Amino acid sequence: MHLIVDGFGADPEKLQDLEFLFGLLDQYPSRIGMTKIMPPYVFRYVGSKPEDWGLSGVVLIAESHISIHTFPDHAYINIDIFSCKAFDADAAIAFMQQQFGLSRVETKVLERGLEYPHQMEPAVELVRTERLEVAAAQASASV
């Protein structure tokens, strides 16, 4: 699943605290049952518009990644939690709201693997069918 959070009214001090963002990205994967595969990478960014400066951070997890982009002068933040493993999106939103002091959020949750069923029995049947199709294709190619 992919949780997208646009956060408004954030605490500007936290949005520019590189150590805070690093610590959050370092600890959060285990909090939601994910596997961190590298330390977070966090850096300060200043673009062509000076007021759009901020921090960007990412941590790769075995299940995909978590990224955060802050805009202190706008009290605004973008958060993405992208994972092939399900997690509690409502709890993640509440946690991020609390951590950054967000007064308002806009969120979207996208399911990953839309072409595959999320229930076990239909998934098993789909895998069996695909395996039979692959075996038939290999058999006809070898003839």
N, C-alpha and C. Protein backbone atom coordinates (compact mmCIF):
# COMPACT_ATOMS: atom_id res chain seq x y z
N MET A 1 0.83 -1.17 0.00
CA MET A 1 0.00 0.00 0.00
C MET A 1 0.88 1.23 0.00
N HIS A 2 0.30 2.33 -0.41
CA HIS A 2 1.04 3.59 -0.51
C HIS A 2 0.21 4.66 0.18
N LEU A 3 0.72 5.16 1.30
CA LEU A 3 0.09 6.24 2.03
C LEU A 3 0.76 7.55 1.63
N ILE A 4 -0.05 8.49 1.19
CA ILE A 4 0.43 9.82 0.81
C ILE A 4 -0.19 10.81 1.79
N VAL A 5 0.66 11.62 2.42
CA VAL A 5 0.18 12.60 3.40
C VAL A 5 0.70 13.98 3.00
N ASP A 6 -0.20 14.92 2.86
CA ASP A 6 0.14 16.33 2.75
C ASP A 6 -0.24 16.94 4.09
N GLY A 7 0.74 17.46 4.81
CA GLY A 7 0.49 17.99 6.15
C GLY A 7 0.63 19.50 6.18
N PHE A 8 -0.31 20.15 6.85
CA PHE A 8 -0.36 21.61 6.92
C PHE A 8 -0.28 22.07 8.38
N GLY A 9 0.23 23.28 8.57
CA GLY A 9 0.31 23.84 9.91
C GLY A 9 1.34 23.16 10.78
N ALA A 10 2.38 22.63 10.16
CA ALA A 10 3.41 21.89 10.89
C ALA A 10 4.28 22.82 11.72
N ASP A 11 4.91 22.28 12.73
CA ASP A 11 5.86 23.00 13.58
C ASP A 11 7.11 23.30 12.75
N PRO A 12 7.36 24.56 12.40
CA PRO A 12 8.51 24.90 11.55
C PRO A 12 9.85 24.48 12.14
N GLU A 13 9.96 24.47 13.48
CA GLU A 13 11.22 24.05 14.10
C GLU A 13 11.51 22.58 13.79
N LYS A 14 10.49 21.73 13.87
CA LYS A 14 10.69 20.31 13.57
C LYS A 14 10.97 20.10 12.09
N LEU A 15 10.36 20.92 11.24
CA LEU A 15 10.55 20.78 9.80
C LEU A 15 11.96 21.11 9.35
N GLN A 16 12.72 21.81 10.18
CA GLN A 16 14.09 22.15 9.80
C GLN A 16 15.14 21.47 10.68
N ASP A 17 14.69 20.53 11.51
CA ASP A 17 15.59 19.82 12.42
C ASP A 17 16.06 18.52 11.77
N LEU A 18 17.25 18.58 11.20
CA LEU A 18 17.81 17.43 10.47
C LEU A 18 17.96 16.21 11.37
N GLU A 19 18.41 16.39 12.60
CA GLU A 19 18.57 15.26 13.52
C GLU A 19 17.23 14.63 13.89
N PHE A 20 16.21 15.47 14.08
CA PHE A 20 14.87 14.96 14.39
C PHE A 20 14.36 14.09 13.24
N LEU A 21 14.49 14.60 12.00
CA LEU A 21 14.00 13.86 10.84
C LEU A 21 14.77 12.56 10.67
N PHE A 22 16.09 12.61 10.85
CA PHE A 22 16.90 11.40 10.76
C PHE A 22 16.42 10.37 11.78
N GLY A 23 16.25 10.79 13.04
CA GLY A 23 15.82 9.87 14.09
C GLY A 23 14.46 9.27 13.80
N LEU A 24 13.54 10.08 13.32
CA LEU A 24 12.22 9.57 12.99
C LEU A 24 12.30 8.50 11.90
N LEU A 25 13.03 8.80 10.83
CA LEU A 25 13.16 7.83 9.73
C LEU A 25 13.95 6.59 10.17
N ASP A 26 14.85 6.76 11.10
CA ASP A 26 15.65 5.63 11.59
C ASP A 26 14.80 4.67 12.42
N GLN A 27 13.89 5.21 13.23
CA GLN A 27 13.10 4.39 14.15
C GLN A 27 11.75 3.94 13.59
N TYR A 28 11.16 4.70 12.68
CA TYR A 28 9.78 4.44 12.28
C TYR A 28 9.56 3.09 11.57
N PRO A 29 10.45 2.63 10.71
CA PRO A 29 10.18 1.35 10.05
C PRO A 29 9.87 0.22 11.02
N SER A 30 10.65 0.08 12.09
CA SER A 30 10.39 -1.01 13.04
C SER A 30 9.07 -0.79 13.77
N ARG A 31 8.67 0.46 13.96
CA ARG A 31 7.41 0.77 14.63
C ARG A 31 6.21 0.22 13.86
N ILE A 32 6.32 0.17 12.52
CA ILE A 32 5.21 -0.34 11.71
C ILE A 32 5.50 -1.73 11.14
N GLY A 33 6.48 -2.42 11.72
CA GLY A 33 6.76 -3.80 11.33
C GLY A 33 7.49 -3.95 10.01
N MET A 34 8.24 -2.93 9.62
CA MET A 34 8.99 -2.99 8.37
C MET A 34 10.47 -3.23 8.66
N THR A 35 11.22 -3.58 7.63
CA THR A 35 12.63 -3.93 7.76
C THR A 35 13.50 -2.89 7.11
N LYS A 36 14.18 -2.09 7.93
CA LYS A 36 15.10 -1.07 7.41
C LYS A 36 16.31 -1.77 6.81
N ILE A 37 16.68 -1.40 5.58
CA ILE A 37 17.83 -2.06 4.94
C ILE A 37 19.02 -1.11 4.76
N MET A 38 18.87 0.13 5.20
CA MET A 38 19.98 1.09 5.18
C MET A 38 19.65 2.20 6.15
N PRO A 39 20.65 2.93 6.60
CA PRO A 39 20.33 4.09 7.43
C PRO A 39 19.61 5.14 6.59
N PRO A 40 18.85 6.00 7.23
CA PRO A 40 18.19 7.07 6.47
C PRO A 40 19.22 8.00 5.82
N TYR A 41 18.80 8.62 4.76
CA TYR A 41 19.59 9.66 4.10
C TYR A 41 18.75 10.93 4.18
N VAL A 42 19.26 11.95 4.86
CA VAL A 42 18.53 13.20 5.06
C VAL A 42 19.44 14.35 4.66
N PHE A 43 18.92 15.29 3.90
CA PHE A 43 19.73 16.43 3.50
C PHE A 43 18.89 17.69 3.42
N ARG A 44 19.55 18.82 3.50
CA ARG A 44 18.91 20.13 3.38
C ARG A 44 18.92 20.51 1.91
N TYR A 45 17.82 21.05 1.45
CA TYR A 45 17.67 21.41 0.04
C TYR A 45 17.29 22.88 -0.07
N VAL A 46 17.95 23.59 -0.97
CA VAL A 46 17.56 24.96 -1.30
C VAL A 46 17.45 25.02 -2.82
N GLY A 47 16.26 25.32 -3.30
CA GLY A 47 16.02 25.35 -4.74
C GLY A 47 16.10 26.75 -5.32
N SER A 48 15.51 26.90 -6.48
CA SER A 48 15.54 28.19 -7.17
C SER A 48 14.69 29.24 -6.46
N LYS A 49 13.70 28.82 -5.68
CA LYS A 49 12.90 29.74 -4.87
C LYS A 49 13.36 29.58 -3.42
N PRO A 50 14.04 30.57 -2.86
CA PRO A 50 14.58 30.43 -1.50
C PRO A 50 13.54 30.02 -0.46
N GLU A 51 12.30 30.46 -0.60
CA GLU A 51 11.26 30.13 0.38
C GLU A 51 10.82 28.66 0.31
N ASP A 52 11.23 27.94 -0.70
CA ASP A 52 10.87 26.52 -0.83
C ASP A 52 11.94 25.59 -0.28
N TRP A 53 12.86 26.12 0.49
CA TRP A 53 13.91 25.28 1.07
C TRP A 53 13.29 24.31 2.08
N GLY A 54 14.05 23.29 2.42
CA GLY A 54 13.59 22.36 3.43
C GLY A 54 14.50 21.16 3.54
N LEU A 55 13.99 20.14 4.19
CA LEU A 55 14.72 18.89 4.34
C LEU A 55 14.03 17.82 3.52
N SER A 56 14.82 16.92 2.97
CA SER A 56 14.30 15.73 2.31
C SER A 56 15.00 14.54 2.93
N GLY A 57 14.21 13.53 3.24
CA GLY A 57 14.77 12.32 3.84
C GLY A 57 14.10 11.09 3.31
N VAL A 58 14.87 10.03 3.23
CA VAL A 58 14.34 8.75 2.76
C VAL A 58 15.03 7.63 3.51
N VAL A 59 14.28 6.58 3.77
CA VAL A 59 14.86 5.36 4.30
C VAL A 59 14.33 4.21 3.44
N LEU A 60 15.24 3.40 2.94
CA LEU A 60 14.83 2.23 2.18
C LEU A 60 14.49 1.11 3.16
N ILE A 61 13.39 0.47 2.89
CA ILE A 61 12.97 -0.68 3.69
C ILE A 61 12.84 -1.86 2.74
N ALA A 62 12.96 -3.05 3.26
CA ALA A 62 12.85 -4.24 2.42
C ALA A 62 11.53 -4.23 1.66
N GLU A 63 10.52 -3.62 2.25
CA GLU A 63 9.19 -3.60 1.67
C GLU A 63 9.00 -2.44 0.68
N SER A 64 9.89 -1.46 0.62
CA SER A 64 9.93 -0.36 -0.34
C SER A 64 10.64 0.85 0.25
N HIS A 65 9.91 1.93 0.64
CA HIS A 65 10.59 3.10 1.20
C HIS A 65 9.63 4.01 1.95
N ILE A 66 10.22 4.89 2.75
CA ILE A 66 9.50 5.95 3.43
C ILE A 66 10.26 7.24 3.11
N SER A 67 9.54 8.26 2.62
CA SER A 67 10.19 9.53 2.32
C SER A 67 9.40 10.68 2.93
N ILE A 68 10.15 11.73 3.29
CA ILE A 68 9.56 12.92 3.90
C ILE A 68 10.26 14.14 3.30
N HIS A 69 9.45 15.12 2.90
CA HIS A 69 9.96 16.38 2.36
C HIS A 69 9.31 17.51 3.15
N THR A 70 10.13 18.40 3.71
CA THR A 70 9.61 19.47 4.55
C THR A 70 9.80 20.83 3.88
N PHE A 71 8.91 21.74 4.21
CA PHE A 71 8.94 23.11 3.70
C PHE A 71 8.67 24.04 4.89
N PRO A 72 9.71 24.34 5.71
CA PRO A 72 9.51 25.09 6.94
C PRO A 72 8.84 26.46 6.77
N ASP A 73 9.20 27.20 5.73
CA ASP A 73 8.62 28.53 5.55
C ASP A 73 7.13 28.47 5.22
N HIS A 74 6.65 27.31 4.81
CA HIS A 74 5.24 27.12 4.48
C HIS A 74 4.51 26.28 5.54
N ALA A 75 5.24 25.81 6.56
CA ALA A 75 4.68 24.93 7.60
C ALA A 75 3.99 23.72 6.95
N TYR A 76 4.64 23.18 5.92
CA TYR A 76 4.05 22.14 5.06
C TYR A 76 5.01 20.95 4.96
N ILE A 77 4.43 19.76 4.82
CA ILE A 77 5.24 18.53 4.72
C ILE A 77 4.56 17.54 3.78
N ASN A 78 5.38 16.79 3.03
CA ASN A 78 4.92 15.65 2.22
C ASN A 78 5.51 14.38 2.83
N ILE A 79 4.66 13.38 3.03
CA ILE A 79 5.12 12.10 3.58
C ILE A 79 4.59 10.99 2.69
N ASP A 80 5.47 10.06 2.33
CA ASP A 80 5.08 8.87 1.58
C ASP A 80 5.56 7.64 2.32
N ILE A 81 4.65 6.72 2.56
CA ILE A 81 5.02 5.40 3.09
C ILE A 81 4.55 4.41 2.04
N PHE A 82 5.51 3.80 1.38
CA PHE A 82 5.23 2.95 0.23
C PHE A 82 5.71 1.54 0.58
N SER A 83 4.79 0.57 0.62
CA SER A 83 5.15 -0.76 1.08
C SER A 83 4.32 -1.84 0.41
N CYS A 84 4.96 -2.95 0.13
CA CYS A 84 4.24 -4.11 -0.38
C CYS A 84 3.55 -4.87 0.76
N LYS A 85 3.86 -4.46 1.98
CA LYS A 85 3.27 -5.06 3.18
C LYS A 85 2.25 -4.10 3.77
N ALA A 86 1.09 -4.61 4.12
CA ALA A 86 0.04 -3.76 4.70
C ALA A 86 0.48 -3.20 6.05
N PHE A 87 0.00 -2.01 6.37
CA PHE A 87 0.24 -1.38 7.66
C PHE A 87 -0.99 -0.55 8.00
N ASP A 88 -1.08 -0.11 9.23
CA ASP A 88 -2.23 0.65 9.71
C ASP A 88 -2.06 2.12 9.29
N ALA A 89 -2.72 2.50 8.20
CA ALA A 89 -2.58 3.85 7.66
C ALA A 89 -3.10 4.90 8.65
N ASP A 90 -4.21 4.62 9.33
CA ASP A 90 -4.75 5.58 10.28
C ASP A 90 -3.78 5.84 11.42
N ALA A 91 -3.14 4.80 11.91
CA ALA A 91 -2.14 4.96 12.98
C ALA A 91 -0.93 5.74 12.47
N ALA A 92 -0.52 5.48 11.23
CA ALA A 92 0.62 6.21 10.66
C ALA A 92 0.29 7.69 10.53
N ILE A 93 -0.92 8.01 10.08
CA ILE A 93 -1.33 9.41 9.94
C ILE A 93 -1.33 10.09 11.30
N ALA A 94 -1.93 9.44 12.30
CA ALA A 94 -1.99 10.02 13.64
C ALA A 94 -0.59 10.24 14.21
N PHE A 95 0.31 9.28 13.99
CA PHE A 95 1.68 9.39 14.48
C PHE A 95 2.37 10.59 13.85
N MET A 96 2.28 10.72 12.53
CA MET A 96 2.93 11.83 11.83
C MET A 96 2.32 13.17 12.23
N GLN A 97 1.00 13.20 12.42
CA GLN A 97 0.35 14.44 12.87
C GLN A 97 0.93 14.87 14.21
N GLN A 98 1.07 13.91 15.11
CA GLN A 98 1.59 14.22 16.45
C GLN A 98 3.06 14.62 16.37
N GLN A 99 3.86 13.90 15.61
CA GLN A 99 5.29 14.17 15.54
C GLN A 99 5.60 15.56 14.98
N PHE A 100 4.85 15.98 13.97
CA PHE A 100 5.13 17.25 13.31
C PHE A 100 4.16 18.37 13.72
N GLY A 101 3.24 18.09 14.63
CA GLY A 101 2.30 19.10 15.08
C GLY A 101 1.38 19.60 13.98
N LEU A 102 0.94 18.69 13.12
CA LEU A 102 0.12 19.07 11.97
C LEU A 102 -1.29 19.47 12.41
N SER A 103 -1.75 20.60 11.91
CA SER A 103 -3.11 21.04 12.23
C SER A 103 -4.13 20.46 11.26
N ARG A 104 -3.66 20.09 10.07
CA ARG A 104 -4.57 19.52 9.07
C ARG A 104 -3.78 18.61 8.14
N VAL A 105 -4.41 17.53 7.70
CA VAL A 105 -3.78 16.63 6.73
C VAL A 105 -4.76 16.30 5.61
N GLU A 106 -4.20 16.08 4.45
CA GLU A 106 -4.93 15.50 3.33
C GLU A 106 -4.20 14.21 3.01
N THR A 107 -4.93 13.11 2.93
CA THR A 107 -4.29 11.82 2.75
C THR A 107 -4.93 11.03 1.62
N LYS A 108 -4.16 10.11 1.11
CA LYS A 108 -4.66 9.17 0.11
C LYS A 108 -3.96 7.85 0.35
N VAL A 109 -4.71 6.76 0.28
CA VAL A 109 -4.13 5.43 0.40
C VAL A 109 -4.38 4.70 -0.90
N LEU A 110 -3.31 4.23 -1.51
CA LEU A 110 -3.39 3.46 -2.74
C LEU A 110 -2.98 2.03 -2.44
N GLU A 111 -3.73 1.10 -2.93
CA GLU A 111 -3.35 -0.30 -2.76
C GLU A 111 -2.31 -0.66 -3.82
N ARG A 112 -1.34 -1.45 -3.43
CA ARG A 112 -0.34 -1.95 -4.39
C ARG A 112 -0.80 -3.30 -4.88
N GLY A 113 -0.30 -3.69 -6.04
CA GLY A 113 -0.64 -5.00 -6.59
C GLY A 113 -2.12 -5.12 -6.90
N LEU A 114 -2.67 -4.11 -7.54
CA LEU A 114 -4.10 -4.10 -7.82
C LEU A 114 -4.55 -5.27 -8.68
N GLU A 115 -3.64 -5.82 -9.48
CA GLU A 115 -4.03 -6.92 -10.36
C GLU A 115 -4.15 -8.25 -9.62
N TYR A 116 -3.71 -8.30 -8.38
CA TYR A 116 -3.76 -9.54 -7.61
C TYR A 116 -4.81 -9.44 -6.52
N PRO A 117 -5.51 -10.53 -6.28
CA PRO A 117 -6.49 -10.52 -5.19
C PRO A 117 -5.80 -10.42 -3.84
N HIS A 118 -6.48 -9.83 -2.87
CA HIS A 118 -5.91 -9.66 -1.55
C HIS A 118 -6.35 -10.76 -0.58
N GLN A 119 -7.23 -11.64 -1.01
CA GLN A 119 -7.67 -12.77 -0.19
C GLN A 119 -6.87 -14.00 -0.60
N MET A 120 -6.61 -14.90 0.33
CA MET A 120 -5.72 -16.03 0.09
C MET A 120 -6.24 -16.99 -0.99
N GLU A 121 -7.48 -17.43 -0.91
CA GLU A 121 -7.98 -18.43 -1.88
C GLU A 121 -7.93 -17.93 -3.32
N PRO A 122 -8.44 -16.73 -3.63
CA PRO A 122 -8.32 -16.25 -5.01
C PRO A 122 -6.87 -16.10 -5.45
N ALA A 123 -5.99 -15.72 -4.52
CA ALA A 123 -4.57 -15.57 -4.87
C ALA A 123 -3.96 -16.93 -5.20
N VAL A 124 -4.28 -17.94 -4.43
CA VAL A 124 -3.77 -19.29 -4.70
C VAL A 124 -4.23 -19.76 -6.08
N GLU A 125 -5.48 -19.55 -6.38
CA GLU A 125 -6.02 -19.96 -7.68
C GLU A 125 -5.33 -19.21 -8.82
N LEU A 126 -5.08 -17.93 -8.64
CA LEU A 126 -4.40 -17.13 -9.66
C LEU A 126 -2.99 -17.66 -9.90
N VAL A 127 -2.27 -17.98 -8.84
CA VAL A 127 -0.91 -18.50 -8.98
C VAL A 127 -0.93 -19.85 -9.69
N ARG A 128 -1.86 -20.71 -9.33
CA ARG A 128 -1.97 -22.02 -10.01
C ARG A 128 -2.22 -21.84 -11.50
N THR A 129 -3.14 -20.95 -11.85
CA THR A 129 -3.46 -20.71 -13.26
C THR A 129 -2.24 -20.17 -14.00
N GLU A 130 -1.55 -19.20 -13.40
CA GLU A 130 -0.36 -18.65 -14.05
C GLU A 130 0.72 -19.71 -14.24
N ARG A 131 0.92 -20.57 -13.26
CA ARG A 131 1.93 -21.64 -13.38
C ARG A 131 1.57 -22.60 -14.50
N LEU A 132 0.29 -22.96 -14.62
CA LEU A 132 -0.14 -23.84 -15.70
C LEU A 132 0.09 -23.19 -17.06
N GLU A 133 -0.18 -21.90 -17.15
CA GLU A 133 0.04 -21.18 -18.42
C GLU A 133 1.53 -21.15 -18.79
N VAL A 134 2.40 -20.92 -17.81
CA VAL A 134 3.83 -20.91 -18.05
C VAL A 134 4.31 -22.29 -18.47
N ALA A 135 3.85 -23.33 -17.78
CA ALA A 135 4.24 -24.70 -18.12
C ALA A 135 3.78 -25.06 -19.53
N ALA A 136 2.56 -24.67 -19.89
CA ALA A 136 2.06 -24.97 -21.24
C ALA A 136 2.88 -24.23 -22.30
N ALA A 137 3.23 -23.00 -22.04
CA ALA A 137 4.03 -22.23 -22.98
C ALA A 137 5.43 -22.85 -23.16
N GLN A 138 6.03 -23.31 -22.06
CA GLN A 138 7.34 -23.95 -22.13
C GLN A 138 7.26 -25.27 -22.89
N ALA A 139 6.21 -26.01 -22.64
CA ALA A 139 6.04 -27.30 -23.33
C ALA A 139 5.88 -27.11 -24.83
N SER A 140 5.08 -26.12 -25.23
CA SER A 140 4.87 -25.91 -26.67
C SER A 140 6.12 -25.32 -27.33
N ALA A 141 6.93 -24.58 -26.57
CA ALA A 141 8.17 -24.03 -27.13
C ALA A 141 9.22 -25.11 -27.34
N SER A 142 9.16 -26.17 -26.55
CA SER A 142 10.18 -27.22 -26.66
C SER A 142 9.82 -28.27 -27.71
N VAL A 143 8.63 -28.16 -28.26
CA VAL A 143 8.20 -29.14 -29.26
C VAL A 143 8.69 -28.77 -30.63
